[in-house]
Amino acid sequence: MYKRIKGKKFSRKTDQRRAFMRALAVNLITREKIKTTKVRARQTALLVEKLITKAKKNDLAARKALAKVLPPAAGKKLIASIAPRFKDRVGGYTRVIKIGPRLHDGAPMAIVELLDRPAADNAAKTEAKQEKKPAKAAAKTKEKKEKRAKANKPEESKS
């Protein structure tokens, strides 16, 4: 019987899975943008959104709860710089942008990023659009265009 279990197991035991998700969350908090598989991205976004909601409270209980999950540097950054950005927002602190499949195994990839990032880093949409086409596909389309151009070009006759 289906029990509505939330979350993925990632073929790992509980302690390994928690450590894995913690590592992804720390990377997302410190870098504010990471590239990973689509399923991992969704799970990471869920975890980080819960952590940001706790950090917005900024009381002793919230700090202790964050200290259980995050290392001190990531916890400080979350409370000091990330949570104040989202004080007026009720939820939806992260964005998951799907990009094309990974070349060597075809796994669907995605970019997870925090919303309201500084303007210099807001080029994620353009980067995601560029990464949607794998390099091989882009090379093939370029070759096809060159062949068409040669075929349509009138040949010069030697006189």
Protein backbone atom coordinates (compact mmCIF):
# COMPACT_ATOMS: atom_id res chain seq x y z
CA MET A 1 0.00 0.00 0.00
CA TYR A 2 1.27 3.45 -0.95
CA LYS A 3 1.91 5.50 2.19
CA ARG A 4 2.69 8.94 0.71
CA ILE A 5 6.33 8.83 1.75
CA LYS A 6 7.93 12.20 1.16
CA GLY A 7 11.45 12.37 -0.18
CA LYS A 8 13.79 10.12 -2.11
CA LYS A 9 16.19 7.52 -0.74
CA PHE A 10 18.91 7.93 -3.41
CA SER A 11 19.90 4.26 -2.85
CA ARG A 12 21.58 5.21 0.42
CA LYS A 13 21.17 4.30 4.05
CA THR A 14 19.64 6.88 6.37
CA ASP A 15 22.84 8.35 7.79
CA GLN A 16 24.51 8.51 4.39
CA ARG A 17 21.43 10.10 2.84
CA ARG A 18 21.23 12.74 5.57
CA ALA A 19 24.92 13.57 5.17
CA PHE A 20 24.49 13.73 1.39
CA MET A 21 21.51 16.10 1.60
CA ARG A 22 23.28 18.18 4.24
CA ALA A 23 26.29 18.56 1.92
CA LEU A 24 24.09 19.66 -0.98
CA ALA A 25 22.29 22.15 1.27
CA VAL A 26 25.56 23.61 2.55
CA ASN A 27 26.82 24.02 -1.01
CA LEU A 28 23.61 25.74 -2.06
CA ILE A 29 23.75 28.09 0.93
CA THR A 30 27.42 29.00 0.48
CA ARG A 31 27.42 29.31 -3.32
CA GLU A 32 23.75 30.31 -3.74
CA LYS A 33 23.61 28.28 -6.96
CA ILE A 34 24.50 24.68 -7.74
CA LYS A 35 24.18 22.33 -10.69
CA THR A 36 23.05 18.77 -9.97
CA THR A 37 20.54 16.16 -11.15
CA LYS A 38 16.87 17.11 -11.25
CA VAL A 39 15.76 14.80 -8.42
CA ARG A 40 18.60 15.91 -6.15
CA ALA A 41 17.83 19.52 -6.97
CA ARG A 42 14.20 19.19 -5.90
CA GLN A 43 15.10 17.50 -2.62
CA THR A 44 17.80 20.07 -1.90
CA ALA A 45 15.37 22.91 -2.61
CA LEU A 46 12.88 21.43 -0.14
CA LEU A 47 15.50 21.14 2.60
CA VAL A 48 16.94 24.62 2.06
CA GLU A 49 13.50 26.23 2.03
CA LYS A 50 12.78 24.72 5.45
CA LEU A 51 16.13 25.95 6.73
CA ILE A 52 15.51 29.48 5.45
CA THR A 53 12.11 29.54 7.15
CA LYS A 54 13.80 28.60 10.44
CA ALA A 55 16.53 31.17 9.92
CA LYS A 56 13.95 33.93 9.40
CA LYS A 57 12.76 33.49 13.00
CA ASN A 58 16.29 34.24 14.26
CA ASP A 59 15.67 33.14 17.85
CA LEU A 60 17.68 30.78 20.04
CA ALA A 61 15.62 27.71 19.15
CA ALA A 62 16.02 28.42 15.44
CA ARG A 63 19.77 28.89 15.78
CA LYS A 64 20.11 25.59 17.63
CA ALA A 65 18.01 23.79 15.05
CA LEU A 66 20.19 25.19 12.27
CA ALA A 67 23.36 24.25 14.17
CA LYS A 68 22.20 20.62 14.16
CA VAL A 69 22.03 20.57 10.38
CA LEU A 70 24.61 23.09 9.16
CA PRO A 71 28.23 23.86 9.98
CA PRO A 72 28.84 27.19 11.77
CA ALA A 73 29.94 29.14 8.67
CA ALA A 74 26.89 28.13 6.63
CA GLY A 75 24.55 28.80 9.56
CA LYS A 76 25.97 32.29 10.05
CA LYS A 77 25.65 33.12 6.37
CA LEU A 78 22.08 31.82 6.32
CA ILE A 79 21.03 33.91 9.32
CA ALA A 80 23.07 37.03 8.55
CA SER A 81 22.74 37.50 4.79
CA ILE A 82 20.24 35.08 3.23
CA ALA A 83 17.29 35.11 5.65
CA PRO A 84 16.97 38.94 5.75
CA ARG A 85 16.53 38.97 1.96
CA PHE A 86 13.43 36.83 2.31
CA LYS A 87 11.79 38.56 5.30
CA ASP A 88 8.80 39.72 3.21
CA ARG A 89 8.45 36.47 1.24
CA VAL A 90 6.23 33.71 2.65
CA GLY A 91 7.81 30.81 0.76
CA GLY A 92 9.41 29.82 -2.52
CA TYR A 93 12.95 30.87 -1.80
CA THR A 94 14.56 28.63 -4.41
CA ARG A 95 14.28 28.13 -8.16
CA VAL A 96 14.95 24.86 -9.99
CA ILE A 97 15.82 25.36 -13.66
CA LYS A 98 15.90 22.23 -15.79
CA ILE A 99 18.78 21.96 -18.24
CA GLY A 100 19.60 19.24 -20.71
CA PRO A 101 20.71 15.71 -19.96
CA ARG A 102 24.22 14.94 -18.75
CA LEU A 103 26.33 13.73 -21.67
CA HIS A 104 27.90 10.56 -20.27
CA ASP A 105 24.84 8.94 -18.69
CA GLY A 106 21.86 10.99 -19.83
CA ALA A 107 20.73 11.95 -16.32
CA PRO A 108 18.39 14.97 -16.36
CA MET A 109 20.25 17.94 -14.91
CA ALA A 110 19.04 21.08 -13.16
CA ILE A 111 20.32 24.26 -11.59
CA VAL A 112 19.11 25.16 -8.09
CA GLU A 113 19.49 28.75 -7.05
CA LEU A 114 18.26 31.09 -4.38
CA LEU A 115 15.93 33.84 -5.51
CA ASP A 116 16.78 37.49 -4.92
CA ARG A 117 20.45 36.92 -5.60
CA PRO A 118 22.68 39.93 -6.29
CA ALA A 119 22.19 41.37 -9.78
CA ALA A 120 25.63 40.28 -10.99
CA ASP A 121 24.69 36.61 -10.59
CA ASN A 122 21.22 36.85 -12.11
CA ALA A 123 22.45 35.52 -15.44
CA ALA A 124 21.21 32.01 -14.57
CA LYS A 125 18.39 32.10 -17.08
CA THR A 126 20.70 32.89 -19.97
CA GLU A 127 23.20 30.30 -18.77
CA ALA A 128 20.46 27.67 -18.48
CA LYS A 129 19.29 28.41 -22.01
CA GLN A 130 22.82 27.98 -23.32
CA GLU A 131 23.31 24.72 -21.39
CA LYS A 132 20.05 23.18 -22.64
CA LYS A 133 21.69 22.16 -25.89
CA PRO A 134 24.46 19.65 -25.35
CA ALA A 135 27.75 20.48 -27.03
CA LYS A 136 27.44 17.67 -29.57
CA ALA A 137 23.99 18.77 -30.69
CA ALA A 138 25.20 22.35 -31.13
CA ALA A 139 28.15 21.14 -33.23
CA LYS A 140 25.86 19.02 -35.42
CA THR A 141 23.51 21.92 -36.08
CA LYS A 142 26.46 24.11 -36.98
CA GLU A 143 27.72 21.50 -39.45
CA LYS A 144 24.27 21.21 -41.02
CA LYS A 145 24.08 24.98 -41.48
CA GLU A 146 27.50 25.01 -43.15
CA LYS A 147 26.46 22.21 -45.54
CA ARG A 148 23.27 24.06 -46.45
CA ALA A 149 25.22 27.25 -47.08
CA LYS A 150 27.62 25.39 -49.40
CA ALA A 151 24.74 23.71 -51.24
CA ASN A 152 22.86 26.97 -51.75
CA LYS A 153 25.98 28.87 -52.82
CA PRO A 154 26.30 28.95 -56.62
CA GLU A 155 29.47 27.29 -57.78
CA GLU A 156 31.95 29.51 -59.52
CA SER A 157 32.77 28.33 -63.02
CA LYS A 158 36.30 28.61 -64.25
CA SER A 159 36.41 30.67 -67.43
